Amino acid sequence: MVKRIHVTYHLKAGEEHRETVERVHDFHANKCPVYRSIYTSIDITTEFVLES
């Protein structure tokens, strides 16, 4: 049984885009139908890494 999922997004973007990436990262999960269907039963965490 899956209890936790951790996703790391590796984004090709420079530091000048960090503010936009952080803003989008804060709300993107609620727009995902898969996330919305399983988040109450599986602990889902995300992070991003900027790669230039």
N, C-alpha and C. Protein backbone atom coordinates (compact mmCIF):
# COMPACT_ATOMS: atom_id res chain seq x y z
N MET A 1 0.83 -1.18 0.00
CA MET A 1 0.00 0.00 0.00
C MET A 1 0.89 1.25 0.00
N VAL A 2 0.57 2.18 -0.85
CA VAL A 2 1.30 3.44 -0.94
C VAL A 2 0.77 4.39 0.13
N LYS A 3 1.69 4.91 0.95
CA LYS A 3 1.29 5.85 2.00
C LYS A 3 1.80 7.26 1.75
N ARG A 4 2.93 7.36 1.03
CA ARG A 4 3.54 8.67 0.78
C ARG A 4 4.09 8.73 -0.64
N ILE A 5 3.99 9.92 -1.21
CA ILE A 5 4.60 10.19 -2.52
C ILE A 5 5.31 11.53 -2.40
N HIS A 6 6.55 11.57 -2.87
CA HIS A 6 7.29 12.83 -2.91
C HIS A 6 7.72 13.06 -4.36
N VAL A 7 7.42 14.23 -4.88
CA VAL A 7 7.74 14.58 -6.26
C VAL A 7 8.73 15.74 -6.25
N THR A 8 9.81 15.59 -7.02
CA THR A 8 10.75 16.68 -7.20
C THR A 8 10.69 17.12 -8.66
N TYR A 9 10.34 18.37 -8.87
CA TYR A 9 10.31 18.94 -10.21
C TYR A 9 11.67 19.55 -10.50
N HIS A 10 12.30 19.11 -11.57
CA HIS A 10 13.57 19.69 -12.02
C HIS A 10 13.22 20.62 -13.18
N LEU A 11 13.29 21.92 -12.92
CA LEU A 11 12.86 22.91 -13.89
C LEU A 11 14.05 23.64 -14.49
N LYS A 12 14.05 23.75 -15.80
CA LYS A 12 15.09 24.52 -16.47
C LYS A 12 14.64 25.98 -16.49
N ALA A 13 15.12 26.71 -15.50
CA ALA A 13 14.77 28.12 -15.35
C ALA A 13 15.85 28.79 -14.51
N GLY A 14 16.10 30.03 -14.81
CA GLY A 14 17.09 30.79 -14.06
C GLY A 14 16.51 31.34 -12.77
N GLU A 15 17.40 31.83 -11.92
CA GLU A 15 16.99 32.41 -10.64
C GLU A 15 16.00 33.55 -10.81
N GLU A 16 16.07 34.25 -11.92
CA GLU A 16 15.15 35.38 -12.13
C GLU A 16 13.69 34.92 -12.22
N HIS A 17 13.46 33.62 -12.38
CA HIS A 17 12.10 33.08 -12.47
C HIS A 17 11.63 32.43 -11.15
N ARG A 18 12.47 32.46 -10.13
CA ARG A 18 12.16 31.78 -8.87
C ARG A 18 10.83 32.25 -8.28
N GLU A 19 10.57 33.53 -8.25
CA GLU A 19 9.32 34.04 -7.66
C GLU A 19 8.09 33.47 -8.37
N THR A 20 8.11 33.43 -9.69
CA THR A 20 7.00 32.87 -10.45
C THR A 20 6.85 31.38 -10.18
N VAL A 21 7.97 30.65 -10.18
CA VAL A 21 7.93 29.21 -9.92
C VAL A 21 7.36 28.94 -8.53
N GLU A 22 7.79 29.69 -7.53
CA GLU A 22 7.28 29.50 -6.16
C GLU A 22 5.77 29.75 -6.10
N ARG A 23 5.32 30.80 -6.78
CA ARG A 23 3.90 31.13 -6.77
C ARG A 23 3.08 30.01 -7.40
N VAL A 24 3.51 29.53 -8.54
CA VAL A 24 2.79 28.45 -9.23
C VAL A 24 2.87 27.15 -8.42
N HIS A 25 4.03 26.88 -7.86
CA HIS A 25 4.21 25.66 -7.06
C HIS A 25 3.25 25.64 -5.87
N ASP A 26 2.96 26.80 -5.31
CA ASP A 26 2.07 26.87 -4.14
C ASP A 26 0.64 26.44 -4.45
N PHE A 27 0.18 26.59 -5.67
CA PHE A 27 -1.23 26.24 -5.94
C PHE A 27 -1.42 25.15 -7.00
N HIS A 28 -0.36 24.67 -7.64
CA HIS A 28 -0.53 23.75 -8.76
C HIS A 28 -1.22 22.44 -8.39
N ALA A 29 -0.98 21.90 -7.22
CA ALA A 29 -1.55 20.59 -6.86
C ALA A 29 -3.08 20.61 -6.86
N ASN A 30 -3.66 21.70 -6.40
CA ASN A 30 -5.12 21.78 -6.35
C ASN A 30 -5.76 21.82 -7.74
N LYS A 31 -4.98 22.04 -8.76
CA LYS A 31 -5.48 22.03 -10.14
C LYS A 31 -5.36 20.65 -10.79
N CYS A 32 -4.71 19.72 -10.10
CA CYS A 32 -4.46 18.38 -10.65
C CYS A 32 -5.54 17.40 -10.21
N PRO A 33 -6.29 16.82 -11.13
CA PRO A 33 -7.36 15.90 -10.75
C PRO A 33 -6.87 14.64 -10.02
N VAL A 34 -5.69 14.17 -10.37
CA VAL A 34 -5.15 12.99 -9.68
C VAL A 34 -4.85 13.33 -8.22
N TYR A 35 -4.19 14.45 -8.00
CA TYR A 35 -3.90 14.89 -6.63
C TYR A 35 -5.20 15.02 -5.84
N ARG A 36 -6.18 15.68 -6.41
CA ARG A 36 -7.43 15.91 -5.69
C ARG A 36 -8.16 14.62 -5.35
N SER A 37 -7.95 13.57 -6.13
CA SER A 37 -8.65 12.32 -5.86
C SER A 37 -7.94 11.46 -4.82
N ILE A 38 -6.63 11.68 -4.58
CA ILE A 38 -5.92 10.80 -3.64
C ILE A 38 -5.31 11.50 -2.43
N TYR A 39 -5.31 12.83 -2.37
CA TYR A 39 -4.57 13.52 -1.32
C TYR A 39 -5.10 13.24 0.09
N THR A 40 -6.35 12.82 0.22
CA THR A 40 -6.87 12.55 1.56
C THR A 40 -6.40 11.20 2.10
N SER A 41 -5.92 10.32 1.23
CA SER A 41 -5.49 9.00 1.70
C SER A 41 -3.99 8.76 1.55
N ILE A 42 -3.30 9.60 0.80
CA ILE A 42 -1.86 9.46 0.59
C ILE A 42 -1.20 10.81 0.86
N ASP A 43 -0.14 10.79 1.64
CA ASP A 43 0.61 12.01 1.93
C ASP A 43 1.46 12.37 0.71
N ILE A 44 1.16 13.49 0.07
CA ILE A 44 1.86 13.90 -1.14
C ILE A 44 2.62 15.20 -0.86
N THR A 45 3.92 15.17 -1.12
CA THR A 45 4.73 16.37 -0.96
C THR A 45 5.45 16.64 -2.28
N THR A 46 5.77 17.91 -2.51
CA THR A 46 6.47 18.29 -3.72
C THR A 46 7.55 19.31 -3.40
N GLU A 47 8.51 19.38 -4.27
CA GLU A 47 9.55 20.40 -4.20
C GLU A 47 10.02 20.68 -5.63
N PHE A 48 10.75 21.76 -5.81
CA PHE A 48 11.30 22.04 -7.12
C PHE A 48 12.76 22.41 -7.00
N VAL A 49 13.48 22.11 -8.06
CA VAL A 49 14.90 22.46 -8.17
C VAL A 49 15.05 23.21 -9.47
N LEU A 50 15.62 24.42 -9.39
CA LEU A 50 15.86 25.18 -10.61
C LEU A 50 17.20 24.77 -11.20
N GLU A 51 17.20 24.43 -12.47
CA GLU A 51 18.41 24.07 -13.18
C GLU A 51 18.57 25.01 -14.37
N SER A 52 19.68 25.69 -14.44
CA SER A 52 19.86 26.63 -15.55
C SER A 52 20.58 26.00 -16.70
